[in-house]
Amino acid sequence: MPIELNFATPVALPAQSSISDLYQAVNLADAFAIRLPSGASADPDLLARFIFAHQPAWIGTLTNLRDLIVARFGLKTARHLATLAHVAKVERLGIFKVYRTSETEVVVGEDDAHLDFRVSILCSGGPEADSGRELTVSTVVHCHNLLGRVYIFFIAPFHRMVVKASLRRAAHIGWPVSGARP
């Protein structure tokens, strides 16, 4: 199925992504791709920051609801993760720790007692403006225990809605152009 402009399409985890074989056991793995328009930046860090900065408002509401629920189980909340950006000695992108960056990919995520996850923002295709570049957001989750498996069972449908809506919103606003600064 061809990847469309302004539409997030479910795809297989890209083999070239550093998270494709990260965990021996995976409890969730998905990927969504969107075609970047001619002239859009190919910088995965810039594109990732753009996506996180322009998410639909309802995602914040959903995150607040999630925080209210998971705080009762001792899990990390988005509010807690946001404070880490100011005190941590590691780079963060939004609320997530940056694990890897390259010319084509940024990998963010978190580790917790119940599960570990990584999100890859991968820009593939040639550097030329009209080469048909795609941006793929992939997620892999490894659960450590029953709490992690129950959590991912309930959160997975919302996760997929958030990723697709975030990509559509970024496309609707208009991707940063080549040479733009974060």
C-alpha atoms as a PDB file:
ATOM      1  CA  MET A   1       0.000   0.000   0.000  1.00  0.00           C
ATOM      2  CA  PRO A   2       1.508   3.375  -0.970  1.00  0.00           C
ATOM      3  CA  ILE A   3       2.145   5.891   1.786  1.00  0.00           C
ATOM      4  CA  GLU A   4       0.008   8.994   1.287  1.00  0.00           C
ATOM      5  CA  LEU A   5       0.707  12.620   1.958  1.00  0.00           C
ATOM      6  CA  ASN A   6      -1.211  13.844   5.068  1.00  0.00           C
ATOM      7  CA  PHE A   7      -2.315  10.315   6.026  1.00  0.00           C
ATOM      8  CA  ALA A   8      -0.665   8.056   8.617  1.00  0.00           C
ATOM      9  CA  THR A   9      -0.525   4.527   7.232  1.00  0.00           C
ATOM     10  CA  PRO A  10       0.159   1.430   9.371  1.00  0.00           C
ATOM     11  CA  VAL A  11       3.354  -0.247   8.178  1.00  0.00           C
ATOM     12  CA  ALA A  12       5.735  -2.974   9.322  1.00  0.00           C
ATOM     13  CA  LEU A  13       8.510  -1.972  11.685  1.00  0.00           C
ATOM     14  CA  PRO A  14      11.285  -0.666   9.410  1.00  0.00           C
ATOM     15  CA  ALA A  15      14.231  -3.057   9.355  1.00  0.00           C
ATOM     16  CA  GLN A  16      16.628  -0.079   9.292  1.00  0.00           C
ATOM     17  CA  SER A  17      15.256   1.250  12.589  1.00  0.00           C
ATOM     18  CA  SER A  18      17.491   0.633  15.593  1.00  0.00           C
ATOM     19  CA  ILE A  19      14.456  -0.497  17.614  1.00  0.00           C
ATOM     20  CA  SER A  20      13.305  -3.222  15.203  1.00  0.00           C
ATOM     21  CA  ASP A  21      15.133  -5.941  17.151  1.00  0.00           C
ATOM     22  CA  LEU A  22      15.793  -4.122  20.418  1.00  0.00           C
ATOM     23  CA  TYR A  23      13.875  -6.428  22.762  1.00  0.00           C
ATOM     24  CA  GLN A  24      13.898 -10.212  22.718  1.00  0.00           C
ATOM     25  CA  ALA A  25      10.241 -10.260  23.815  1.00  0.00           C
ATOM     26  CA  VAL A  26       7.892  -7.543  22.563  1.00  0.00           C
ATOM     27  CA  ASN A  27       4.408  -6.936  23.962  1.00  0.00           C
ATOM     28  CA  LEU A  28       3.532  -4.179  21.515  1.00  0.00           C
ATOM     29  CA  ALA A  29       5.099  -3.249  18.213  1.00  0.00           C
ATOM     30  CA  ASP A  30       3.612  -0.873  15.674  1.00  0.00           C
ATOM     31  CA  ALA A  31       4.655   1.647  13.085  1.00  0.00           C
ATOM     32  CA  PHE A  32       2.899   4.400  11.154  1.00  0.00           C
ATOM     33  CA  ALA A  33       4.348   6.178   8.140  1.00  0.00           C
ATOM     34  CA  ILE A  34       3.484   9.407   6.391  1.00  0.00           C
ATOM     35  CA  ARG A  35       4.935  10.803   3.181  1.00  0.00           C
ATOM     36  CA  LEU A  36       6.775  14.085   3.579  1.00  0.00           C
ATOM     37  CA  PRO A  37       6.066  16.782   1.006  1.00  0.00           C
ATOM     38  CA  SER A  38       8.665  18.184  -1.332  1.00  0.00           C
ATOM     39  CA  GLY A  39      10.954  20.605   0.496  1.00  0.00           C
ATOM     40  CA  ALA A  40      10.228  19.250   3.993  1.00  0.00           C
ATOM     41  CA  SER A  41      13.109  18.792   6.392  1.00  0.00           C
ATOM     42  CA  ALA A  42      14.773  15.384   6.596  1.00  0.00           C
ATOM     43  CA  ASP A  43      16.111  16.070  10.111  1.00  0.00           C
ATOM     44  CA  PRO A  44      14.465  13.477  12.381  1.00  0.00           C
ATOM     45  CA  ASP A  45      15.182  15.495  15.538  1.00  0.00           C
ATOM     46  CA  LEU A  46      13.499  18.591  14.098  1.00  0.00           C
ATOM     47  CA  LEU A  47      10.549  16.545  12.834  1.00  0.00           C
ATOM     48  CA  ALA A  48      10.149  14.755  16.185  1.00  0.00           C
ATOM     49  CA  ARG A  49      10.209  18.029  18.119  1.00  0.00           C
ATOM     50  CA  PHE A  50       7.676  19.472  15.666  1.00  0.00           C
ATOM     51  CA  ILE A  51       5.328  16.517  16.141  1.00  0.00           C
ATOM     52  CA  PHE A  52       5.523  16.678  19.947  1.00  0.00           C
ATOM     53  CA  ALA A  53       5.086  20.467  19.987  1.00  0.00           C
ATOM     54  CA  HIS A  54       1.972  20.436  17.793  1.00  0.00           C
ATOM     55  CA  GLN A  55      -0.104  17.562  19.100  1.00  0.00           C
ATOM     56  CA  PRO A  56      -3.887  17.934  19.127  1.00  0.00           C
ATOM     57  CA  ALA A  57      -5.237  19.412  22.379  1.00  0.00           C
ATOM     58  CA  TRP A  58      -7.239  16.299  23.229  1.00  0.00           C
ATOM     59  CA  ILE A  59      -3.972  14.382  23.683  1.00  0.00           C
ATOM     60  CA  GLY A  60      -3.116  16.585  26.674  1.00  0.00           C
ATOM     61  CA  THR A  61      -6.531  15.854  28.178  1.00  0.00           C
ATOM     62  CA  LEU A  62      -6.038  12.129  27.599  1.00  0.00           C
ATOM     63  CA  THR A  63      -2.562  12.306  29.162  1.00  0.00           C
ATOM     64  CA  ASN A  64      -3.953  14.052  32.252  1.00  0.00           C
ATOM     65  CA  LEU A  65      -6.568  11.306  32.618  1.00  0.00           C
ATOM     66  CA  ARG A  66      -3.880   8.656  32.225  1.00  0.00           C
ATOM     67  CA  ASP A  67      -1.784  10.376  34.909  1.00  0.00           C
ATOM     68  CA  LEU A  68      -4.686  10.356  37.364  1.00  0.00           C
ATOM     69  CA  ILE A  69      -5.110   6.623  36.912  1.00  0.00           C
ATOM     70  CA  VAL A  70      -1.487   5.433  36.786  1.00  0.00           C
ATOM     71  CA  ALA A  71      -0.311   7.557  39.721  1.00  0.00           C
ATOM     72  CA  ARG A  72      -2.375   5.260  41.969  1.00  0.00           C
ATOM     73  CA  PHE A  73      -0.213   2.341  40.835  1.00  0.00           C
ATOM     74  CA  GLY A  74       3.102   4.134  41.367  1.00  0.00           C
ATOM     75  CA  LEU A  75       3.840   4.527  37.649  1.00  0.00           C
ATOM     76  CA  LYS A  76       5.610   7.547  36.189  1.00  0.00           C
ATOM     77  CA  THR A  77       3.282  10.359  35.186  1.00  0.00           C
ATOM     78  CA  ALA A  78       3.815  12.809  32.342  1.00  0.00           C
ATOM     79  CA  ARG A  79       4.008  15.586  34.928  1.00  0.00           C
ATOM     80  CA  HIS A  80       6.833  13.748  36.705  1.00  0.00           C
ATOM     81  CA  LEU A  81       8.655  13.083  33.419  1.00  0.00           C
ATOM     82  CA  ALA A  82       8.350  16.764  32.479  1.00  0.00           C
ATOM     83  CA  THR A  83      10.184  17.746  35.667  1.00  0.00           C
ATOM     84  CA  LEU A  84      13.048  15.409  34.739  1.00  0.00           C
ATOM     85  CA  ALA A  85      13.806  17.555  31.707  1.00  0.00           C
ATOM     86  CA  HIS A  86      14.892  20.327  34.058  1.00  0.00           C
ATOM     87  CA  VAL A  87      16.947  18.247  36.484  1.00  0.00           C
ATOM     88  CA  ALA A  88      18.238  15.300  34.463  1.00  0.00           C
ATOM     89  CA  LYS A  89      21.702  15.128  33.015  1.00  0.00           C
ATOM     90  CA  VAL A  90      20.412  13.341  29.896  1.00  0.00           C
ATOM     91  CA  GLU A  91      18.864  14.862  26.813  1.00  0.00           C
ATOM     92  CA  ARG A  92      15.089  14.767  26.628  1.00  0.00           C
ATOM     93  CA  LEU A  93      12.657  15.344  23.805  1.00  0.00           C
ATOM     94  CA  GLY A  94       9.419  16.486  25.358  1.00  0.00           C
ATOM     95  CA  ILE A  95       8.849  14.211  28.319  1.00  0.00           C
ATOM     96  CA  PHE A  96      10.920  11.334  26.914  1.00  0.00           C
ATOM     97  CA  LYS A  97      14.575  10.441  27.349  1.00  0.00           C
ATOM     98  CA  VAL A  98      16.607  10.505  24.122  1.00  0.00           C
ATOM     99  CA  TYR A  99      18.398   7.182  23.682  1.00  0.00           C
ATOM    100  CA  ARG A 100      19.870   7.568  20.214  1.00  0.00           C
ATOM    101  CA  THR A 101      20.188  10.097  17.434  1.00  0.00           C
ATOM    102  CA  SER A 102      21.554   9.751  13.939  1.00  0.00           C
ATOM    103  CA  GLU A 103      21.144  11.528  10.627  1.00  0.00           C
ATOM    104  CA  THR A 104      18.011   9.501   9.930  1.00  0.00           C
ATOM    105  CA  GLU A 105      16.570   8.491  13.313  1.00  0.00           C
ATOM    106  CA  VAL A 106      15.807   9.682  16.815  1.00  0.00           C
ATOM    107  CA  VAL A 107      14.927   7.119  19.478  1.00  0.00           C
ATOM    108  CA  VAL A 108      13.155   8.213  22.656  1.00  0.00           C
ATOM    109  CA  GLY A 109      11.521   6.268  25.447  1.00  0.00           C
ATOM    110  CA  GLU A 110      11.452   5.403  29.109  1.00  0.00           C
ATOM    111  CA  ASP A 111      12.162   2.478  31.390  1.00  0.00           C
ATOM    112  CA  ASP A 112       9.927   1.743  34.347  1.00  0.00           C
ATOM    113  CA  ALA A 113       9.305  -1.129  36.746  1.00  0.00           C
ATOM    114  CA  HIS A 114       6.337  -2.392  34.707  1.00  0.00           C
ATOM    115  CA  LEU A 115       7.635  -1.892  31.148  1.00  0.00           C
ATOM    116  CA  ASP A 116      10.251  -0.344  28.894  1.00  0.00           C
ATOM    117  CA  PHE A 117       9.418   1.315  25.594  1.00  0.00           C
ATOM    118  CA  ARG A 118      11.149   2.999  22.706  1.00  0.00           C
ATOM    119  CA  VAL A 119       9.755   5.232  19.980  1.00  0.00           C
ATOM    120  CA  SER A 120      11.686   5.695  16.753  1.00  0.00           C
ATOM    121  CA  ILE A 121      11.175   8.710  14.503  1.00  0.00           C
ATOM    122  CA  LEU A 122      12.815   7.601  11.257  1.00  0.00           C
ATOM    123  CA  CYS A 123      13.157   9.659   8.091  1.00  0.00           C
ATOM    124  CA  SER A 124      13.807   7.460   5.082  1.00  0.00           C
ATOM    125  CA  GLY A 125      14.400   8.228   1.455  1.00  0.00           C
ATOM    126  CA  GLY A 126      16.977  10.383  -0.241  1.00  0.00           C
ATOM    127  CA  PRO A 127      18.103  13.811   0.891  1.00  0.00           C
ATOM    128  CA  GLU A 128      16.731  15.439  -2.259  1.00  0.00           C
ATOM    129  CA  ALA A 129      13.550  17.451  -1.739  1.00  0.00           C
ATOM    130  CA  ASP A 130      11.543  15.466  -4.309  1.00  0.00           C
ATOM    131  CA  SER A 131      12.753  11.964  -3.473  1.00  0.00           C
ATOM    132  CA  GLY A 132       9.569  10.697  -1.832  1.00  0.00           C
ATOM    133  CA  ARG A 133      10.811  10.729   1.752  1.00  0.00           C
ATOM    134  CA  GLU A 134       8.728   9.085   4.444  1.00  0.00           C
ATOM    135  CA  LEU A 135       8.585   9.663   8.165  1.00  0.00           C
ATOM    136  CA  THR A 136       7.883   6.533  10.196  1.00  0.00           C
ATOM    137  CA  VAL A 137       7.027   6.558  13.895  1.00  0.00           C
ATOM    138  CA  SER A 138       7.579   3.098  15.373  1.00  0.00           C
ATOM    139  CA  THR A 139       6.989   1.895  18.913  1.00  0.00           C
ATOM    140  CA  VAL A 140       8.162  -1.223  20.712  1.00  0.00           C
ATOM    141  CA  VAL A 141       7.225  -2.154  24.269  1.00  0.00           C
ATOM    142  CA  HIS A 142       8.680  -4.828  26.521  1.00  0.00           C
ATOM    143  CA  CYS A 143       6.623  -5.603  29.641  1.00  0.00           C
ATOM    144  CA  HIS A 144       8.296  -6.814  32.829  1.00  0.00           C
ATOM    145  CA  ASN A 145       5.257  -8.054  34.700  1.00  0.00           C
ATOM    146  CA  LEU A 146       1.479  -8.454  34.802  1.00  0.00           C
ATOM    147  CA  LEU A 147       0.957  -4.752  35.547  1.00  0.00           C
ATOM    148  CA  GLY A 148       2.844  -3.879  32.361  1.00  0.00           C
ATOM    149  CA  ARG A 149       0.821  -6.319  30.266  1.00  0.00           C
ATOM    150  CA  VAL A 150      -2.488  -5.056  31.686  1.00  0.00           C
ATOM    151  CA  TYR A 151      -1.383  -1.448  31.187  1.00  0.00           C
ATOM    152  CA  ILE A 152      -0.394  -1.989  27.549  1.00  0.00           C
ATOM    153  CA  PHE A 153      -3.623  -3.901  26.859  1.00  0.00           C
ATOM    154  CA  PHE A 154      -5.664  -0.851  27.859  1.00  0.00           C
ATOM    155  CA  ILE A 155      -3.361   1.848  26.521  1.00  0.00           C
ATOM    156  CA  ALA A 156      -2.525   0.352  23.076  1.00  0.00           C
ATOM    157  CA  PRO A 157      -5.679   1.580  21.251  1.00  0.00           C
ATOM    158  CA  PHE A 158      -5.154   5.101  22.609  1.00  0.00           C
ATOM    159  CA  HIS A 159      -1.458   4.970  21.739  1.00  0.00           C
ATOM    160  CA  ARG A 160      -2.290   4.194  18.106  1.00  0.00           C
ATOM    161  CA  MET A 161      -4.858   7.013  17.953  1.00  0.00           C
ATOM    162  CA  VAL A 162      -2.311   9.449  19.404  1.00  0.00           C
ATOM    163  CA  VAL A 163       0.446   8.526  16.931  1.00  0.00           C
ATOM    164  CA  LYS A 164      -1.838   8.740  13.892  1.00  0.00           C
ATOM    165  CA  ALA A 165      -3.449  11.992  15.050  1.00  0.00           C
ATOM    166  CA  SER A 166      -0.052  13.546  15.830  1.00  0.00           C
ATOM    167  CA  LEU A 167       1.263  12.746  12.356  1.00  0.00           C
ATOM    168  CA  ARG A 168      -1.913  14.037  10.682  1.00  0.00           C
ATOM    169  CA  ARG A 169      -1.805  17.247  12.721  1.00  0.00           C
ATOM    170  CA  ALA A 170       1.846  17.899  11.871  1.00  0.00           C
ATOM    171  CA  ALA A 171       1.079  17.339   8.185  1.00  0.00           C
ATOM    172  CA  HIS A 172      -1.956  19.620   8.394  1.00  0.00           C
ATOM    173  CA  ILE A 173       0.049  22.434  10.007  1.00  0.00           C
ATOM    174  CA  GLY A 174       2.872  21.966   7.503  1.00  0.00           C
ATOM    175  CA  TRP A 175       6.171  20.198   8.097  1.00  0.00           C
ATOM    176  CA  PRO A 176       9.277  22.289   8.805  1.00  0.00           C
ATOM    177  CA  VAL A 177      11.251  22.997   5.650  1.00  0.00           C
ATOM    178  CA  SER A 178      14.776  21.853   4.889  1.00  0.00           C
ATOM    179  CA  GLY A 179      17.314  24.011   6.690  1.00  0.00           C
ATOM    180  CA  ALA A 180      14.887  25.016   9.482  1.00  0.00           C
ATOM    181  CA  ARG A 181      16.253  25.121  13.038  1.00  0.00           C
ATOM    182  CA  PRO A 182      14.500  23.462  16.026  1.00  0.00           C
END
